[in-house]
């Protein structure tokens, strides 16, 4: 069974009802704590606390904590890819995926063609 690590892009597409992403909310998917925090913040900013809380409660069963070692590797990855504008949150999800042999699901162009990435355009 291949496990997928969802980034905020994928979560927003799920939230927006994009059918290309509808099958990703399953036990074969995970979300890093950093990613769910970023997603929560986006919903809070664009909608309200009720919406953010609703989605956090809906998704929290998929959340995995990230070690300090992963965070450090993510900072290094972000630094190495600073010209691409890779975010810290996406760096954490990507490095977590690499370290745990998962597939990183995103539509962010910065990750297209990278190892362990399932790139999905809108």
C-alpha atoms as a PDB file:
ATOM      1  CA  UNK A   1       0.000   0.000   0.000  1.00  0.00           C
ATOM      2  CA  UNK A   2       1.401   3.368  -1.060  1.00  0.00           C
ATOM      3  CA  UNK A   3       0.833   6.114   1.478  1.00  0.00           C
ATOM      4  CA  UNK A   4       0.456   9.698   0.269  1.00  0.00           C
ATOM      5  CA  UNK A   5       1.480  12.841   2.138  1.00  0.00           C
ATOM      6  CA  UNK A   6      -0.824  15.740   1.266  1.00  0.00           C
ATOM      7  CA  UNK A   7       0.377  19.318   1.078  1.00  0.00           C
ATOM      8  CA  UNK A   8      -1.695  22.457   1.598  1.00  0.00           C
ATOM      9  CA  UNK A   9      -2.273  22.771  -2.158  1.00  0.00           C
ATOM     10  CA  UNK A  10      -3.909  19.322  -2.155  1.00  0.00           C
ATOM     11  CA  UNK A  11      -5.954  20.171   0.946  1.00  0.00           C
ATOM     12  CA  UNK A  12      -7.232  23.371  -0.657  1.00  0.00           C
ATOM     13  CA  UNK A  13      -8.226  21.446  -3.772  1.00  0.00           C
ATOM     14  CA  UNK A  14     -10.080  18.919  -1.600  1.00  0.00           C
ATOM     15  CA  UNK A  15     -11.730  21.807   0.227  1.00  0.00           C
ATOM     16  CA  UNK A  16     -12.745  23.408  -3.089  1.00  0.00           C
ATOM     17  CA  UNK A  17     -14.262  20.145  -4.314  1.00  0.00           C
ATOM     18  CA  UNK A  18     -11.799  19.423  -7.136  1.00  0.00           C
ATOM     19  CA  UNK A  19     -12.636  15.843  -8.222  1.00  0.00           C
ATOM     20  CA  UNK A  20      -8.965  15.179  -9.107  1.00  0.00           C
ATOM     21  CA  UNK A  21      -8.238  15.277  -5.366  1.00  0.00           C
ATOM     22  CA  UNK A  22     -11.384  13.678  -3.932  1.00  0.00           C
ATOM     23  CA  UNK A  23      -9.878  10.218  -3.364  1.00  0.00           C
ATOM     24  CA  UNK A  24      -7.032  11.467  -1.179  1.00  0.00           C
ATOM     25  CA  UNK A  25      -8.945  11.672   2.108  1.00  0.00           C
ATOM     26  CA  UNK A  26      -8.427   8.107   3.187  1.00  0.00           C
ATOM     27  CA  UNK A  27      -6.412   5.972   5.536  1.00  0.00           C
ATOM     28  CA  UNK A  28      -3.751   5.828   2.803  1.00  0.00           C
ATOM     29  CA  UNK A  29      -3.031   9.537   3.264  1.00  0.00           C
ATOM     30  CA  UNK A  30      -1.292  11.556   5.951  1.00  0.00           C
ATOM     31  CA  UNK A  31      -0.850  15.255   6.677  1.00  0.00           C
ATOM     32  CA  UNK A  32       2.054  16.682   8.656  1.00  0.00           C
ATOM     33  CA  UNK A  33       1.258  18.800  11.690  1.00  0.00           C
ATOM     34  CA  UNK A  34       2.880  21.771   9.979  1.00  0.00           C
ATOM     35  CA  UNK A  35       0.682  21.359   6.897  1.00  0.00           C
ATOM     36  CA  UNK A  36      -2.561  21.128   8.868  1.00  0.00           C
ATOM     37  CA  UNK A  37      -1.512  24.265  10.771  1.00  0.00           C
ATOM     38  CA  UNK A  38      -0.915  26.137   7.499  1.00  0.00           C
ATOM     39  CA  UNK A  39      -4.242  24.892   6.095  1.00  0.00           C
ATOM     40  CA  UNK A  40      -6.006  25.984   9.294  1.00  0.00           C
ATOM     41  CA  UNK A  41      -4.467  29.434   8.922  1.00  0.00           C
ATOM     42  CA  UNK A  42      -5.597  29.758   5.307  1.00  0.00           C
ATOM     43  CA  UNK A  43      -9.167  28.809   6.226  1.00  0.00           C
ATOM     44  CA  UNK A  44      -9.124  31.184   9.177  1.00  0.00           C
ATOM     45  CA  UNK A  45      -7.931  34.045   6.963  1.00  0.00           C
ATOM     46  CA  UNK A  46     -10.247  33.320   4.020  1.00  0.00           C
ATOM     47  CA  UNK A  47     -13.324  32.193   5.970  1.00  0.00           C
ATOM     48  CA  UNK A  48     -13.718  32.043   9.760  1.00  0.00           C
ATOM     49  CA  UNK A  49     -12.788  30.098  12.868  1.00  0.00           C
ATOM     50  CA  UNK A  50     -15.794  27.791  12.578  1.00  0.00           C
ATOM     51  CA  UNK A  51     -14.702  26.673   9.108  1.00  0.00           C
ATOM     52  CA  UNK A  52     -11.093  26.215  10.202  1.00  0.00           C
ATOM     53  CA  UNK A  53     -12.156  24.219  13.269  1.00  0.00           C
ATOM     54  CA  UNK A  54     -14.541  22.061  11.221  1.00  0.00           C
ATOM     55  CA  UNK A  55     -11.812  21.048   8.769  1.00  0.00           C
ATOM     56  CA  UNK A  56      -9.222  20.516  11.491  1.00  0.00           C
ATOM     57  CA  UNK A  57     -11.592  18.118  13.278  1.00  0.00           C
ATOM     58  CA  UNK A  58     -12.401  16.387   9.991  1.00  0.00           C
ATOM     59  CA  UNK A  59      -8.728  15.851   9.089  1.00  0.00           C
ATOM     60  CA  UNK A  60      -6.944  15.418  12.423  1.00  0.00           C
ATOM     61  CA  UNK A  61      -7.038  11.601  12.195  1.00  0.00           C
ATOM     62  CA  UNK A  62      -4.561  11.920   9.286  1.00  0.00           C
ATOM     63  CA  UNK A  63      -2.074  14.168  11.125  1.00  0.00           C
ATOM     64  CA  UNK A  64       1.448  12.937  11.897  1.00  0.00           C
ATOM     65  CA  UNK A  65       3.975  14.732  14.062  1.00  0.00           C
ATOM     66  CA  UNK A  66       7.332  15.592  12.557  1.00  0.00           C
ATOM     67  CA  UNK A  67      10.668  15.125  14.334  1.00  0.00           C
ATOM     68  CA  UNK A  68      13.210  17.876  14.888  1.00  0.00           C
ATOM     69  CA  UNK A  69      15.559  16.069  12.478  1.00  0.00           C
ATOM     70  CA  UNK A  70      12.964  16.329   9.695  1.00  0.00           C
ATOM     71  CA  UNK A  71      12.494  20.029  10.450  1.00  0.00           C
ATOM     72  CA  UNK A  72      16.223  20.657  10.134  1.00  0.00           C
ATOM     73  CA  UNK A  73      16.391  18.731   6.850  1.00  0.00           C
ATOM     74  CA  UNK A  74      13.385  20.735   5.635  1.00  0.00           C
ATOM     75  CA  UNK A  75      15.143  24.013   6.437  1.00  0.00           C
ATOM     76  CA  UNK A  76      18.178  22.808   4.454  1.00  0.00           C
ATOM     77  CA  UNK A  77      15.934  21.783   1.530  1.00  0.00           C
ATOM     78  CA  UNK A  78      14.186  25.181   1.613  1.00  0.00           C
ATOM     79  CA  UNK A  79      17.566  26.936   1.653  1.00  0.00           C
ATOM     80  CA  UNK A  80      18.879  24.832  -1.243  1.00  0.00           C
ATOM     81  CA  UNK A  81      15.725  25.645  -3.232  1.00  0.00           C
ATOM     82  CA  UNK A  82      15.368  29.290  -2.214  1.00  0.00           C
ATOM     83  CA  UNK A  83      15.468  30.488  -5.844  1.00  0.00           C
ATOM     84  CA  UNK A  84      12.343  28.406  -6.532  1.00  0.00           C
ATOM     85  CA  UNK A  85      10.497  29.986  -3.601  1.00  0.00           C
ATOM     86  CA  UNK A  86       9.705  26.694  -1.866  1.00  0.00           C
ATOM     87  CA  UNK A  87       7.758  27.283   1.363  1.00  0.00           C
ATOM     88  CA  UNK A  88       8.813  25.941   4.744  1.00  0.00           C
ATOM     89  CA  UNK A  89       5.543  24.022   5.126  1.00  0.00           C
ATOM     90  CA  UNK A  90       5.947  22.317   1.756  1.00  0.00           C
ATOM     91  CA  UNK A  91       9.581  21.570   2.528  1.00  0.00           C
ATOM     92  CA  UNK A  92       8.531  19.790   5.717  1.00  0.00           C
ATOM     93  CA  UNK A  93       5.948  17.676   3.882  1.00  0.00           C
ATOM     94  CA  UNK A  94       8.343  16.811   1.093  1.00  0.00           C
ATOM     95  CA  UNK A  95      11.226  15.841   3.374  1.00  0.00           C
ATOM     96  CA  UNK A  96       8.854  13.885   5.626  1.00  0.00           C
ATOM     97  CA  UNK A  97       7.725  12.012   2.500  1.00  0.00           C
ATOM     98  CA  UNK A  98      11.288  11.259   1.396  1.00  0.00           C
ATOM     99  CA  UNK A  99      12.344  10.097   4.856  1.00  0.00           C
ATOM    100  CA  UNK A 100       9.292   7.838   5.247  1.00  0.00           C
ATOM    101  CA  UNK A 101       9.095   6.509   1.675  1.00  0.00           C
ATOM    102  CA  UNK A 102       5.785   8.253   1.000  1.00  0.00           C
ATOM    103  CA  UNK A 103       4.477   9.999  -2.090  1.00  0.00           C
ATOM    104  CA  UNK A 104       4.170  13.787  -1.720  1.00  0.00           C
ATOM    105  CA  UNK A 105       0.938  14.988  -3.364  1.00  0.00           C
ATOM    106  CA  UNK A 106       0.996  18.558  -4.644  1.00  0.00           C
ATOM    107  CA  UNK A 107       0.193  20.837  -7.529  1.00  0.00           C
ATOM    108  CA  UNK A 108       2.920  23.323  -6.641  1.00  0.00           C
ATOM    109  CA  UNK A 109       5.126  23.783  -9.702  1.00  0.00           C
ATOM    110  CA  UNK A 110       8.283  23.876  -7.569  1.00  0.00           C
ATOM    111  CA  UNK A 111       7.930  20.127  -6.979  1.00  0.00           C
ATOM    112  CA  UNK A 112       7.113  18.977 -10.503  1.00  0.00           C
ATOM    113  CA  UNK A 113       9.545  16.246 -11.553  1.00  0.00           C
ATOM    114  CA  UNK A 114      11.072  15.680  -8.119  1.00  0.00           C
ATOM    115  CA  UNK A 115      11.527  12.224  -6.602  1.00  0.00           C
ATOM    116  CA  UNK A 116       8.551  10.835  -4.617  1.00  0.00           C
ATOM    117  CA  UNK A 117       6.159  13.515  -5.974  1.00  0.00           C
ATOM    118  CA  UNK A 118       2.709  12.990  -7.425  1.00  0.00           C
ATOM    119  CA  UNK A 119       2.157  16.250  -9.260  1.00  0.00           C
ATOM    120  CA  UNK A 120      -1.464  17.067 -10.065  1.00  0.00           C
ATOM    121  CA  UNK A 121      -2.503  20.171 -11.957  1.00  0.00           C
ATOM    122  CA  UNK A 122      -5.847  21.804 -11.184  1.00  0.00           C
END
